Each structure stands twice: as C-alpha cells, then as structure tokens.
Amino acid sequence: MGVATKVNEKTGVSGTEGPKSFTRNKTDYFVMALFFAILIALGQIFTPGLSKLEDIPHFKQAYDPLNLENTLPHPYGTLFSMVLYAVQVATALYLLTFGCWAAFRAINASKAPYNEHFYVQRNKILINFGILACVSAGQDYLMANGYTKATMGNSSPLEILRDCCLWMLCFELCWYTQHRAMHEVKLLWHYGHSYHHQWRRPQHMLGITNFAFDHVIEVWVTMSSSFFGYVFFPSNFYAGKMVALVYMVFAILAHWDGWGSEKTGWGRYHINHHYLVTKNYGSHIPIFDIIFGTYQWDPYVHPDNKVDAKAE
C-alpha cells in the first residue's frame, strides 16, 4: 500500500501525512539491541577465536605487498605501509566511482548530466575518498594483525555463501540501526545526514551522490557497518572483500536515477527513501525495514516526473 504524501514543490521533499502513516517507535531500538546481542552471542559461541596465526602473514602480504613494515625501522615501516595502502584505496574509490559515472554517461547521458549538482557532489566526495581511505587503512591494519575473525580458510562454495550471508546480515543490521538514528536523532541529522538528503529529486541522483555525504558521521556509519561482520564472524578474506565491492557498486547504482524507472523499480528501494525520508532505511536488503514496518516498495512518482510517466 502506498503512503499518502505532501510535497514541498520548492525542495521536492515529500513527507508522510499524519500519525497513521508514520510513528517513531523508539522501542524499536531495544529490539535492534537484542538483534545485536544475539549476533554477538552466536559469534562468540560458535566461533570464539580471532584469526589464526598462520593466516596473518597472508593478510599482511595483501595489505603490505612491499613488506615495508619489516624492511623499514619501526614505526616508519608501519606508517608508510598504511599511507601507501590508503593511497591505493583512495585511487580505487576514485576509479570505481567515476568509472561508473562514465558508464552511466554512455548508457544514458541525459540521466548523468554535467550540471551544478555534479560539480558540488564531486568536490565533496573527493574529500570523502581521502577520509574513507584512511579509515579503511586503519581497519585493514587491524585485520592484517589478527584483531578480527577474518580467515584464509572457509573457501568451499557453501562456506563462502554462508560467510557472505552473515556479512550482509551484520552490515544490514548495523546500517539500518545507525541510518535510522541519523534521521531520528536531531544532532546526527543536523550535523551529518541532512547534507546527503539535499539530493532529493531524481535529476539530482547522479550515482556519485552515494559518496556526497558529511565528512564524519556517515564515514563512521559506512565503515563500521562494513567492519562489524569481520569482528564477530569468520569470513574468507577475499570473499569478504568481493561482497563489500558488490555492495559499493550497488550503492552507486541505487543513487542513480537512470537505474530503471519508477515502473521497473531497479532503483526504487533507495529512491523511495530519498523521497519519503521515513522509509527504507536499509542498505540493499529490506529485511529490517520489513521487521520494523518501515518498508515502502510502491513507487513514489515525483510531480516533475508525472508528465513523463503518462507519456510512457
């Protein structure tokens, strides 16, 4: 069932109408805390140990292929290896994001214009790439030194499938909880997430919008959600990196207006969130939106697009 909305024509923001459409149920956070407790308990019961000692050299080889940590005097080796790794991550983020942008331009240039929104978002995310890369380097340093449950094992198809599902479940719970809090806690909204929600109408959703967020709060939410699964459940090192990459690509697509339409619904889940604001807090899988009653699948068509929709 669709949600009745009132639209501010100036900003393009749509809000829910009356308490029947939306109620902020603060007790939901106790249930979320219970889910966290269950996941942590299951991780401690079935997989109590951290990474095996024999896995650590393999992690370090992936993290520090030049072996700077052992070649240069301490702590310079560690520092230079982290800086080099951060540069690699930032470069990869840049190439991935703007590679997707180039693909969007090739597929449908009208949905990927070089407009004022592009330049504002581009300038913001260039800073965020550096911050995200530094945080990623710190997290992978912890992983490389055995402070998580990452493993070089669990390489059978069933084990990889299980570990990927656990990683996604952990990510979705961590993301849903923090993302919803960013909307419902005024401090987090005002000083953080509200910036990302400047981009409301489809023509502002350029794909790169995914990284056009504030420099502190959403960096923490993004990186802590991706790291949570490694801390409490074992996951094959390379399989975990691959599923994280897939999630990142889907996040870029989810913020692109050209990824399907209101009818086909490919990008509908997150586009609806930007329109309705109080719906669809999940990342890609709406399991916790369904559980907590914040799921909205029916498409919301912005007034600007109604003419186009009728023409189709």
C-alpha atoms as a PDB file:
ATOM      1  CA  MET A   1       0.000   0.000   0.000  1.00  0.00           C
ATOM      2  CA  GLY A   2       1.329   3.445  -0.878  1.00  0.00           C
ATOM      3  CA  VAL A   3       1.911   6.199   1.639  1.00  0.00           C
ATOM      4  CA  ALA A   4      -0.013   9.458   1.421  1.00  0.00           C
ATOM      5  CA  THR A   5       2.436  12.309   0.925  1.00  0.00           C
ATOM      6  CA  LYS A   6       2.598  16.062   0.872  1.00  0.00           C
ATOM      7  CA  VAL A   7       5.242  17.507  -1.395  1.00  0.00           C
ATOM      8  CA  ASN A   8       7.123  20.734  -0.973  1.00  0.00           C
ATOM      9  CA  GLU A   9       7.330  21.893  -4.582  1.00  0.00           C
ATOM     10  CA  LYS A  10      10.306  24.130  -3.881  1.00  0.00           C
ATOM     11  CA  THR A  11      12.578  21.450  -2.454  1.00  0.00           C
ATOM     12  CA  GLY A  12      10.977  18.307  -3.836  1.00  0.00           C
ATOM     13  CA  VAL A  13      10.773  16.791  -0.347  1.00  0.00           C
ATOM     14  CA  SER A  14       7.842  14.567   0.410  1.00  0.00           C
ATOM     15  CA  GLY A  15       6.728  13.954   3.975  1.00  0.00           C
ATOM     16  CA  THR A  16       4.296  11.491   5.500  1.00  0.00           C
ATOM     17  CA  GLU A  17       0.806  12.669   6.293  1.00  0.00           C
ATOM     18  CA  GLY A  18      -0.397  12.214   9.846  1.00  0.00           C
ATOM     19  CA  PRO A  19       0.402   9.657  12.560  1.00  0.00           C
ATOM     20  CA  LYS A  20      -1.339   6.855  10.682  1.00  0.00           C
ATOM     21  CA  SER A  21       1.349   6.962   8.007  1.00  0.00           C
ATOM     22  CA  PHE A  22       4.346   7.027  10.318  1.00  0.00           C
ATOM     23  CA  THR A  23       5.065   6.686  14.015  1.00  0.00           C
ATOM     24  CA  ARG A  24       8.514   6.985  15.559  1.00  0.00           C
ATOM     25  CA  ASN A  25       8.586   3.876  17.696  1.00  0.00           C
ATOM     26  CA  LYS A  26      11.601   4.419  19.947  1.00  0.00           C
ATOM     27  CA  THR A  27      11.188   0.952  21.484  1.00  0.00           C
ATOM     28  CA  ASP A  28      12.407  -0.445  18.161  1.00  0.00           C
ATOM     29  CA  TYR A  29      15.941   0.399  19.284  1.00  0.00           C
ATOM     30  CA  PHE A  30      15.621  -2.089  22.152  1.00  0.00           C
ATOM     31  CA  VAL A  31      14.709  -4.766  19.624  1.00  0.00           C
ATOM     32  CA  MET A  32      17.668  -3.746  17.454  1.00  0.00           C
ATOM     33  CA  ALA A  33      19.913  -4.027  20.522  1.00  0.00           C
ATOM     34  CA  LEU A  34      18.515  -7.527  21.072  1.00  0.00           C
ATOM     35  CA  PHE A  35      19.400  -8.476  17.493  1.00  0.00           C
ATOM     36  CA  PHE A  36      22.941  -7.182  18.051  1.00  0.00           C
ATOM     37  CA  ALA A  37      23.212  -9.181  21.284  1.00  0.00           C
ATOM     38  CA  ILE A  38      22.023 -12.366  19.532  1.00  0.00           C
ATOM     39  CA  LEU A  39      24.519 -11.964  16.679  1.00  0.00           C
ATOM     40  CA  ILE A  40      27.399 -11.244  19.057  1.00  0.00           C
ATOM     41  CA  ALA A  41      26.449 -14.215  21.275  1.00  0.00           C
ATOM     42  CA  LEU A  42      26.224 -16.568  18.278  1.00  0.00           C
ATOM     43  CA  GLY A  43      29.607 -15.382  17.066  1.00  0.00           C
ATOM     44  CA  GLN A  44      31.200 -15.958  20.466  1.00  0.00           C
ATOM     45  CA  ILE A  45      29.590 -19.374  20.949  1.00  0.00           C
ATOM     46  CA  PHE A  46      30.308 -20.909  17.541  1.00  0.00           C
ATOM     47  CA  THR A  47      33.469 -19.036  16.528  1.00  0.00           C
ATOM     48  CA  PRO A  48      35.089 -17.724  19.740  1.00  0.00           C
ATOM     49  CA  GLY A  49      38.633 -17.182  18.459  1.00  0.00           C
ATOM     50  CA  LEU A  50      40.226 -14.444  16.377  1.00  0.00           C
ATOM     51  CA  SER A  51      42.162 -15.002  13.139  1.00  0.00           C
ATOM     52  CA  LYS A  52      44.575 -17.937  13.180  1.00  0.00           C
ATOM     53  CA  LEU A  53      48.274 -17.125  13.474  1.00  0.00           C
ATOM     54  CA  GLU A  54      49.027 -18.907  10.194  1.00  0.00           C
ATOM     55  CA  ASP A  55      46.597 -16.602   8.356  1.00  0.00           C
ATOM     56  CA  ILE A  56      48.233 -13.358   9.471  1.00  0.00           C
ATOM     57  CA  PRO A  57      51.241 -13.488   7.076  1.00  0.00           C
ATOM     58  CA  HIS A  58      48.803 -13.848   4.146  1.00  0.00           C
ATOM     59  CA  PHE A  59      46.802 -10.835   5.345  1.00  0.00           C
ATOM     60  CA  LYS A  60      49.985  -8.809   5.698  1.00  0.00           C
ATOM     61  CA  GLN A  61      51.090  -9.762   2.193  1.00  0.00           C
ATOM     62  CA  ALA A  62      47.823  -8.434   0.773  1.00  0.00           C
ATOM     63  CA  TYR A  63      47.952  -5.322   2.947  1.00  0.00           C
ATOM     64  CA  ASP A  64      51.677  -4.611   2.615  1.00  0.00           C
ATOM     65  CA  PRO A  65      52.966  -6.321  -0.573  1.00  0.00           C
ATOM     66  CA  LEU A  66      56.267  -4.405  -0.417  1.00  0.00           C
ATOM     67  CA  ASN A  67      56.860  -5.650   3.137  1.00  0.00           C
ATOM     68  CA  LEU A  68      57.638  -2.109   4.298  1.00  0.00           C
ATOM     69  CA  GLU A  69      56.663  -2.960   7.857  1.00  0.00           C
ATOM     70  CA  ASN A  70      59.638  -5.297   8.180  1.00  0.00           C
ATOM     71  CA  THR A  71      62.085  -3.517   5.861  1.00  0.00           C
ATOM     72  CA  LEU A  72      61.919  -0.034   7.366  1.00  0.00           C
ATOM     73  CA  PRO A  73      62.645   0.805  11.017  1.00  0.00           C
ATOM     74  CA  HIS A  74      59.679   0.764  13.393  1.00  0.00           C
ATOM     75  CA  PRO A  75      57.332   2.674  13.366  1.00  0.00           C
ATOM     76  CA  TYR A  76      58.146   4.118   9.936  1.00  0.00           C
ATOM     77  CA  GLY A  77      57.515   0.826   8.150  1.00  0.00           C
ATOM     78  CA  THR A  78      54.020   0.579   9.588  1.00  0.00           C
ATOM     79  CA  LEU A  79      53.289   4.239   8.885  1.00  0.00           C
ATOM     80  CA  PHE A  80      54.478   4.124   5.266  1.00  0.00           C
ATOM     81  CA  SER A  81      52.645   0.858   4.566  1.00  0.00           C
ATOM     82  CA  MET A  82      49.408   2.389   5.879  1.00  0.00           C
ATOM     83  CA  VAL A  83      49.886   5.575   3.820  1.00  0.00           C
ATOM     84  CA  LEU A  84      50.602   3.574   0.661  1.00  0.00           C
ATOM     85  CA  TYR A  85      47.559   1.375   1.292  1.00  0.00           C
ATOM     86  CA  ALA A  86      45.338   4.429   1.869  1.00  0.00           C
ATOM     87  CA  VAL A  87      46.533   5.923  -1.435  1.00  0.00           C
ATOM     88  CA  GLN A  88      45.639   2.661  -3.189  1.00  0.00           C
ATOM     89  CA  VAL A  89      42.170   2.610  -1.611  1.00  0.00           C
ATOM     90  CA  ALA A  90      41.511   6.273  -2.492  1.00  0.00           C
ATOM     91  CA  THR A  91      42.614   5.650  -6.072  1.00  0.00           C
ATOM     92  CA  ALA A  92      40.392   2.570  -6.319  1.00  0.00           C
ATOM     93  CA  LEU A  93      37.410   4.526  -4.963  1.00  0.00           C
ATOM     94  CA  TYR A  94      38.017   7.297  -7.469  1.00  0.00           C
ATOM     95  CA  LEU A  95      38.360   4.899 -10.426  1.00  0.00           C
ATOM     96  CA  LEU A  96      35.336   2.825  -9.402  1.00  0.00           C
ATOM     97  CA  THR A  97      33.025   5.778  -8.826  1.00  0.00           C
ATOM     98  CA  PHE A  98      33.958   7.817 -11.858  1.00  0.00           C
ATOM     99  CA  GLY A  99      34.231   4.656 -13.945  1.00  0.00           C
ATOM    100  CA  CYS A 100      30.583   4.022 -13.065  1.00  0.00           C
ATOM    101  CA  TRP A 101      29.859   7.659 -13.917  1.00  0.00           C
ATOM    102  CA  ALA A 102      31.457   7.209 -17.353  1.00  0.00           C
ATOM    103  CA  ALA A 103      29.358   4.083 -17.870  1.00  0.00           C
ATOM    104  CA  PHE A 104      26.215   5.996 -16.859  1.00  0.00           C
ATOM    105  CA  ARG A 105      27.091   8.694 -19.397  1.00  0.00           C
ATOM    106  CA  ALA A 106      27.498   6.049 -22.097  1.00  0.00           C
ATOM    107  CA  ILE A 107      24.198   4.352 -21.193  1.00  0.00           C
ATOM    108  CA  ASN A 108      22.042   7.448 -20.771  1.00  0.00           C
ATOM    109  CA  ALA A 109      23.773  10.830 -20.852  1.00  0.00           C
ATOM    110  CA  SER A 110      20.537  12.687 -20.050  1.00  0.00           C
ATOM    111  CA  LYS A 111      20.471  10.908 -16.664  1.00  0.00           C
ATOM    112  CA  ALA A 112      24.123  11.732 -15.969  1.00  0.00           C
ATOM    113  CA  PRO A 113      24.488  15.420 -16.803  1.00  0.00           C
ATOM    114  CA  TYR A 114      27.402  17.696 -16.027  1.00  0.00           C
ATOM    115  CA  ASN A 115      25.203  20.067 -14.047  1.00  0.00           C
ATOM    116  CA  GLU A 116      25.743  22.144 -10.908  1.00  0.00           C
ATOM    117  CA  HIS A 117      24.852  19.142  -8.737  1.00  0.00           C
ATOM    118  CA  PHE A 118      27.608  17.083 -10.349  1.00  0.00           C
ATOM    119  CA  TYR A 119      30.310  19.619  -9.507  1.00  0.00           C
ATOM    120  CA  VAL A 120      29.114  20.164  -5.927  1.00  0.00           C
ATOM    121  CA  GLN A 121      28.950  16.422  -5.282  1.00  0.00           C
ATOM    122  CA  ARG A 122      32.284  15.788  -6.995  1.00  0.00           C
ATOM    123  CA  ASN A 123      34.078  18.311  -4.791  1.00  0.00           C
ATOM    124  CA  LYS A 124      32.547  16.821  -1.639  1.00  0.00           C
ATOM    125  CA  ILE A 125      33.368  13.219  -2.438  1.00  0.00           C
ATOM    126  CA  LEU A 126      36.980  13.952  -3.357  1.00  0.00           C
ATOM    127  CA  ILE A 127      37.484  14.876   0.303  1.00  0.00           C
ATOM    128  CA  ASN A 128      35.473  11.870   1.453  1.00  0.00           C
ATOM    129  CA  PHE A 129      37.607   9.492  -0.615  1.00  0.00           C
ATOM    130  CA  GLY A 130      40.666  10.527   1.393  1.00  0.00           C
ATOM    131  CA  ILE A 131      38.894  10.102   4.721  1.00  0.00           C
ATOM    132  CA  LEU A 132      37.323   6.760   3.756  1.00  0.00           C
ATOM    133  CA  ALA A 133      40.719   5.512   2.562  1.00  0.00           C
ATOM    134  CA  CYS A 134      42.397   6.410   5.874  1.00  0.00           C
ATOM    135  CA  VAL A 135      39.690   4.680   7.909  1.00  0.00           C
ATOM    136  CA  SER A 136      39.861   1.654   5.614  1.00  0.00           C
ATOM    137  CA  ALA A 137      43.652   1.502   6.060  1.00  0.00           C
ATOM    138  CA  GLY A 138      43.201   1.523   9.842  1.00  0.00           C
ATOM    139  CA  GLN A 139      40.585  -1.227   9.739  1.00  0.00           C
ATOM    140  CA  ASP A 140      42.636  -3.402   7.396  1.00  0.00           C
ATOM    141  CA  TYR A 141      45.692  -2.873   9.595  1.00  0.00           C
ATOM    142  CA  LEU A 142      43.709  -4.388  12.479  1.00  0.00           C
ATOM    143  CA  MET A 143      42.643  -7.235  10.197  1.00  0.00           C
ATOM    144  CA  ALA A 144      46.202  -7.821   8.979  1.00  0.00           C
ATOM    145  CA  ASN A 145      47.389  -8.105  12.580  1.00  0.00           C
ATOM    146  CA  GLY A 146      44.768 -10.649  13.604  1.00  0.00           C
ATOM    147  CA  TYR A 147      42.339  -8.495  15.588  1.00  0.00           C
ATOM    148  CA  THR A 148      39.275  -9.740  13.662  1.00  0.00           C
ATOM    149  CA  LYS A 149      37.885 -13.152  12.711  1.00  0.00           C
ATOM    150  CA  ALA A 150      38.876 -12.917   9.050  1.00  0.00           C
ATOM    151  CA  THR A 151      40.360 -16.131   7.694  1.00  0.00           C
ATOM    152  CA  MET A 152      42.106 -17.502   4.640  1.00  0.00           C
ATOM    153  CA  GLY A 153      40.033 -20.653   5.114  1.00  0.00           C
ATOM    154  CA  ASN A 154      36.282 -21.129   4.636  1.00  0.00           C
ATOM    155  CA  SER A 155      36.932 -21.447   0.911  1.00  0.00           C
ATOM    156  CA  SER A 156      34.343 -24.055  -0.101  1.00  0.00           C
ATOM    157  CA  PRO A 157      31.304 -22.721  -2.030  1.00  0.00           C
ATOM    158  CA  LEU A 158      28.926 -23.387   0.875  1.00  0.00           C
ATOM    159  CA  GLU A 159      31.259 -21.749   3.396  1.00  0.00           C
ATOM    160  CA  ILE A 160      31.701 -18.699   1.172  1.00  0.00           C
ATOM    161  CA  LEU A 161      27.929 -18.446   0.699  1.00  0.00           C
ATOM    162  CA  ARG A 162      27.363 -18.724   4.466  1.00  0.00           C
ATOM    163  CA  ASP A 163      30.026 -16.144   5.288  1.00  0.00           C
ATOM    164  CA  CYS A 164      28.716 -13.707   2.675  1.00  0.00           C
ATOM    165  CA  CYS A 165      25.187 -14.047   4.077  1.00  0.00           C
ATOM    166  CA  LEU A 166      26.463 -13.432   7.619  1.00  0.00           C
ATOM    167  CA  TRP A 167      28.467 -10.403   6.457  1.00  0.00           C
ATOM    168  CA  MET A 168      25.398  -8.969   4.704  1.00  0.00           C
ATOM    169  CA  LEU A 169      23.178  -9.633   7.734  1.00  0.00           C
ATOM    170  CA  CYS A 170      25.656  -7.861  10.030  1.00  0.00           C
ATOM    171  CA  PHE A 171      26.039  -4.975   7.585  1.00  0.00           C
ATOM    172  CA  GLU A 172      22.274  -4.536   7.149  1.00  0.00           C
ATOM    173  CA  LEU A 173      21.593  -4.535  10.904  1.00  0.00           C
ATOM    174  CA  CYS A 174      24.436  -2.119  11.652  1.00  0.00           C
ATOM    175  CA  TRP A 175      23.488   0.125   8.724  1.00  0.00           C
ATOM    176  CA  TYR A 176      19.740   0.095   9.428  1.00  0.00           C
ATOM    177  CA  THR A 177      20.201   0.979  13.098  1.00  0.00           C
ATOM    178  CA  GLN A 178      22.650   3.816  12.511  1.00  0.00           C
ATOM    179  CA  HIS A 179      20.952   5.120   9.368  1.00  0.00           C
ATOM    180  CA  ARG A 180      17.598   5.307  11.131  1.00  0.00           C
ATOM    181  CA  ALA A 181      19.246   7.021  14.098  1.00  0.00           C
ATOM    182  CA  MET A 182      20.729   9.602  11.714  1.00  0.00           C
ATOM    183  CA  HIS A 183      17.161  10.511  10.768  1.00  0.00           C
ATOM    184  CA  GLU A 184      15.626  10.393  14.238  1.00  0.00           C
ATOM    185  CA  VAL A 185      18.371  11.933  16.382  1.00  0.00           C
ATOM    186  CA  LYS A 186      18.351  15.663  15.630  1.00  0.00           C
ATOM    187  CA  LEU A 187      22.056  16.128  16.361  1.00  0.00           C
ATOM    188  CA  LEU A 188      23.074  13.410  13.866  1.00  0.00           C
ATOM    189  CA  TRP A 189      20.637  14.724  11.290  1.00  0.00           C
ATOM    190  CA  HIS A 190      21.592  18.387  11.607  1.00  0.00           C
ATOM    191  CA  TYR A 191      25.364  17.913  11.633  1.00  0.00           C
ATOM    192  CA  GLY A 192      25.534  14.893   9.354  1.00  0.00           C
ATOM    193  CA  HIS A 193      22.945  13.085   7.303  1.00  0.00           C
ATOM    194  CA  SER A 194      20.917  16.120   6.234  1.00  0.00           C
ATOM    195  CA  TYR A 195      23.711  17.018   3.793  1.00  0.00           C
ATOM    196  CA  HIS A 196      23.233  13.758   1.878  1.00  0.00           C
ATOM    197  CA  HIS A 197      19.495  14.424   1.673  1.00  0.00           C
ATOM    198  CA  GLN A 198      19.999  17.650  -0.208  1.00  0.00           C
ATOM    199  CA  TRP A 199      19.831  15.401  -3.283  1.00  0.00           C
ATOM    200  CA  ARG A 200      16.131  14.541  -3.348  1.00  0.00           C
ATOM    201  CA  ARG A 201      14.781  14.680  -6.883  1.00  0.00           C
ATOM    202  CA  PRO A 202      15.811  12.022  -9.418  1.00  0.00           C
ATOM    203  CA  GLN A 203      17.675  14.501 -11.610  1.00  0.00           C
ATOM    204  CA  HIS A 204      19.961  15.136  -8.625  1.00  0.00           C
ATOM    205  CA  MET A 205      20.612  11.411  -8.077  1.00  0.00           C
ATOM    206  CA  LEU A 206      23.770  11.050 -10.135  1.00  0.00           C
ATOM    207  CA  GLY A 207      25.263   7.819  -8.783  1.00  0.00           C
ATOM    208  CA  ILE A 208      28.189   9.724  -7.295  1.00  0.00           C
ATOM    209  CA  THR A 209      25.567  11.036  -4.840  1.00  0.00           C
ATOM    210  CA  ASN A 210      26.372   7.866  -2.896  1.00  0.00           C
ATOM    211  CA  PHE A 211      29.590   9.471  -1.624  1.00  0.00           C
ATOM    212  CA  ALA A 212      28.253  13.034  -1.274  1.00  0.00           C
ATOM    213  CA  PHE A 213      27.856  12.919   2.482  1.00  0.00           C
ATOM    214  CA  ASP A 214      29.300  14.639   5.524  1.00  0.00           C
ATOM    215  CA  HIS A 215      32.927  14.007   6.443  1.00  0.00           C
ATOM    216  CA  VAL A 216      32.451  12.448   9.878  1.00  0.00           C
ATOM    217  CA  ILE A 217      29.156  10.813  10.823  1.00  0.00           C
ATOM    218  CA  GLU A 218      28.421   8.925   7.614  1.00  0.00           C
ATOM    219  CA  VAL A 219      32.038   7.899   7.200  1.00  0.00           C
ATOM    220  CA  TRP A 220      31.732   6.203  10.583  1.00  0.00           C
ATOM    221  CA  VAL A 221      28.371   4.601   9.722  1.00  0.00           C
ATOM    222  CA  THR A 222      29.626   3.283   6.384  1.00  0.00           C
ATOM    223  CA  MET A 223      32.924   1.898   7.633  1.00  0.00           C
ATOM    224  CA  SER A 224      31.674   0.493  10.947  1.00  0.00           C
ATOM    225  CA  SER A 225      28.886  -1.369   9.141  1.00  0.00           C
ATOM    226  CA  SER A 226      31.342  -2.988   6.723  1.00  0.00           C
ATOM    227  CA  PHE A 227      33.709  -3.935   9.581  1.00  0.00           C
ATOM    228  CA  PHE A 228      31.109  -5.303  12.006  1.00  0.00           C
ATOM    229  CA  GLY A 229      30.824  -8.747  10.366  1.00  0.00           C
ATOM    230  CA  TYR A 230      34.580  -9.361  10.450  1.00  0.00           C
ATOM    231  CA  VAL A 231      34.720  -8.705  14.178  1.00  0.00           C
ATOM    232  CA  PHE A 232      32.104 -11.264  15.217  1.00  0.00           C
ATOM    233  CA  PHE A 233      32.068 -13.900  12.460  1.00  0.00           C
ATOM    234  CA  PRO A 234      34.818 -15.580  10.435  1.00  0.00           C
ATOM    235  CA  SER A 235      34.791 -14.642   6.778  1.00  0.00           C
ATOM    236  CA  ASN A 236      37.084 -15.605   3.955  1.00  0.00           C
ATOM    237  CA  PHE A 237      39.357 -12.613   3.417  1.00  0.00           C
ATOM    238  CA  TYR A 238      38.890 -12.380  -0.355  1.00  0.00           C
ATOM    239  CA  ALA A 239      35.196 -13.319  -0.350  1.00  0.00           C
ATOM    240  CA  GLY A 240      34.529 -10.576   2.200  1.00  0.00           C
ATOM    241  CA  LYS A 241      36.335  -8.014   0.056  1.00  0.00           C
ATOM    242  CA  MET A 242      34.351  -9.084  -3.015  1.00  0.00           C
ATOM    243  CA  VAL A 243      30.932  -8.841  -1.345  1.00  0.00           C
ATOM    244  CA  ALA A 244      31.908  -5.411   0.039  1.00  0.00           C
ATOM    245  CA  LEU A 245      32.829  -4.328  -3.502  1.00  0.00           C
ATOM    246  CA  VAL A 246      29.479  -5.570  -4.835  1.00  0.00           C
ATOM    247  CA  TYR A 247      27.685  -3.637  -2.078  1.00  0.00           C
ATOM    248  CA  MET A 248      29.597  -0.489  -3.031  1.00  0.00           C
ATOM    249  CA  VAL A 249      28.689  -0.798  -6.715  1.00  0.00           C
ATOM    250  CA  PHE A 250      25.029  -1.355  -5.840  1.00  0.00           C
ATOM    251  CA  ALA A 251      25.155   1.715  -3.573  1.00  0.00           C
ATOM    252  CA  ILE A 252      26.321   3.790  -6.530  1.00  0.00           C
ATOM    253  CA  LEU A 253      23.562   2.349  -8.723  1.00  0.00           C
ATOM    254  CA  ALA A 254      20.947   2.930  -6.005  1.00  0.00           C
ATOM    255  CA  HIS A 255      21.779   6.642  -6.101  1.00  0.00           C
ATOM    256  CA  TRP A 256      21.431   6.895  -9.870  1.00  0.00           C
ATOM    257  CA  ASP A 257      18.110   7.922 -11.366  1.00  0.00           C
ATOM    258  CA  GLY A 258      18.942   6.092 -14.592  1.00  0.00           C
ATOM    259  CA  TRP A 259      18.958   2.648 -12.962  1.00  0.00           C
ATOM    260  CA  GLY A 260      15.495   1.559 -14.007  1.00  0.00           C
ATOM    261  CA  SER A 261      12.387   3.664 -13.655  1.00  0.00           C
ATOM    262  CA  GLU A 262       9.520   4.008 -11.214  1.00  0.00           C
ATOM    263  CA  LYS A 263       7.830   1.181 -13.136  1.00  0.00           C
ATOM    264  CA  THR A 264      10.697  -1.302 -13.377  1.00  0.00           C
ATOM    265  CA  GLY A 265      11.825  -0.497  -9.855  1.00  0.00           C
ATOM    266  CA  TRP A 266      15.557  -1.305 -10.061  1.00  0.00           C
ATOM    267  CA  GLY A 267      16.480   1.797  -8.094  1.00  0.00           C
ATOM    268  CA  ARG A 268      13.111   2.185  -6.436  1.00  0.00           C
ATOM    269  CA  TYR A 269      14.049   0.977  -2.948  1.00  0.00           C
ATOM    270  CA  HIS A 270      16.527   3.750  -2.160  1.00  0.00           C
ATOM    271  CA  ILE A 271      14.954   6.403  -4.406  1.00  0.00           C
ATOM    272  CA  ASN A 272      11.818   5.948  -2.283  1.00  0.00           C
ATOM    273  CA  HIS A 273      13.914   6.595   0.805  1.00  0.00           C
ATOM    274  CA  HIS A 274      15.118   9.918  -0.566  1.00  0.00           C
ATOM    275  CA  TYR A 275      11.549  10.916  -1.392  1.00  0.00           C
ATOM    276  CA  LEU A 276       9.720   9.565   1.650  1.00  0.00           C
ATOM    277  CA  VAL A 277      12.637  10.008   4.117  1.00  0.00           C
ATOM    278  CA  THR A 278      10.994   7.905   6.851  1.00  0.00           C
ATOM    279  CA  LYS A 279      11.010   4.707   4.801  1.00  0.00           C
ATOM    280  CA  ASN A 280      13.591   2.213   3.512  1.00  0.00           C
ATOM    281  CA  TYR A 281      16.488   2.748   5.898  1.00  0.00           C
ATOM    282  CA  GLY A 282      18.200  -0.492   4.869  1.00  0.00           C
ATOM    283  CA  SER A 283      21.177  -0.620   2.543  1.00  0.00           C
ATOM    284  CA  HIS A 284      20.166  -3.114  -0.168  1.00  0.00           C
ATOM    285  CA  ILE A 285      18.157  -5.862   1.536  1.00  0.00           C
ATOM    286  CA  PRO A 286      14.953  -4.668   3.273  1.00  0.00           C
ATOM    287  CA  ILE A 287      14.867  -7.356   5.964  1.00  0.00           C
ATOM    288  CA  PHE A 288      14.894  -4.913   8.896  1.00  0.00           C
ATOM    289  CA  ASP A 289      12.594  -2.442   7.126  1.00  0.00           C
ATOM    290  CA  ILE A 290      10.075  -5.277   6.866  1.00  0.00           C
ATOM    291  CA  ILE A 291      10.560  -6.279  10.516  1.00  0.00           C
ATOM    292  CA  PHE A 292      10.162  -2.721  11.843  1.00  0.00           C
ATOM    293  CA  GLY A 293       7.436  -1.589   9.455  1.00  0.00           C
ATOM    294  CA  THR A 294       9.490   0.994   7.563  1.00  0.00           C
ATOM    295  CA  TYR A 295       9.407  -0.756   4.183  1.00  0.00           C
ATOM    296  CA  GLN A 296       7.991   1.070   1.137  1.00  0.00           C
ATOM    297  CA  TRP A 297       8.033  -0.716  -2.203  1.00  0.00           C
ATOM    298  CA  ASP A 298       5.200   1.041  -4.031  1.00  0.00           C
ATOM    299  CA  PRO A 299       6.841   3.662  -6.260  1.00  0.00           C
ATOM    300  CA  TYR A 300       6.546   7.321  -5.418  1.00  0.00           C
ATOM    301  CA  VAL A 301       6.439   9.403  -8.586  1.00  0.00           C
ATOM    302  CA  HIS A 302       7.601  12.971  -8.111  1.00  0.00           C
ATOM    303  CA  PRO A 303       5.270  15.631  -9.624  1.00  0.00           C
ATOM    304  CA  ASP A 304       8.092  16.634 -12.001  1.00  0.00           C
ATOM    305  CA  ASN A 305       8.023  13.141 -13.488  1.00  0.00           C
ATOM    306  CA  LYS A 306       4.273  12.636 -13.804  1.00  0.00           C
ATOM    307  CA  VAL A 307       4.160  14.034 -17.335  1.00  0.00           C
ATOM    308  CA  ASP A 308       6.908  11.653 -18.425  1.00  0.00           C
ATOM    309  CA  ALA A 309       5.185   8.737 -16.718  1.00  0.00           C
ATOM    310  CA  LYS A 310       1.910   9.473 -18.538  1.00  0.00           C
ATOM    311  CA  ALA A 311       3.736   9.750 -21.838  1.00  0.00           C
ATOM    312  CA  GLU A 312       5.141   6.273 -21.377  1.00  0.00           C
END
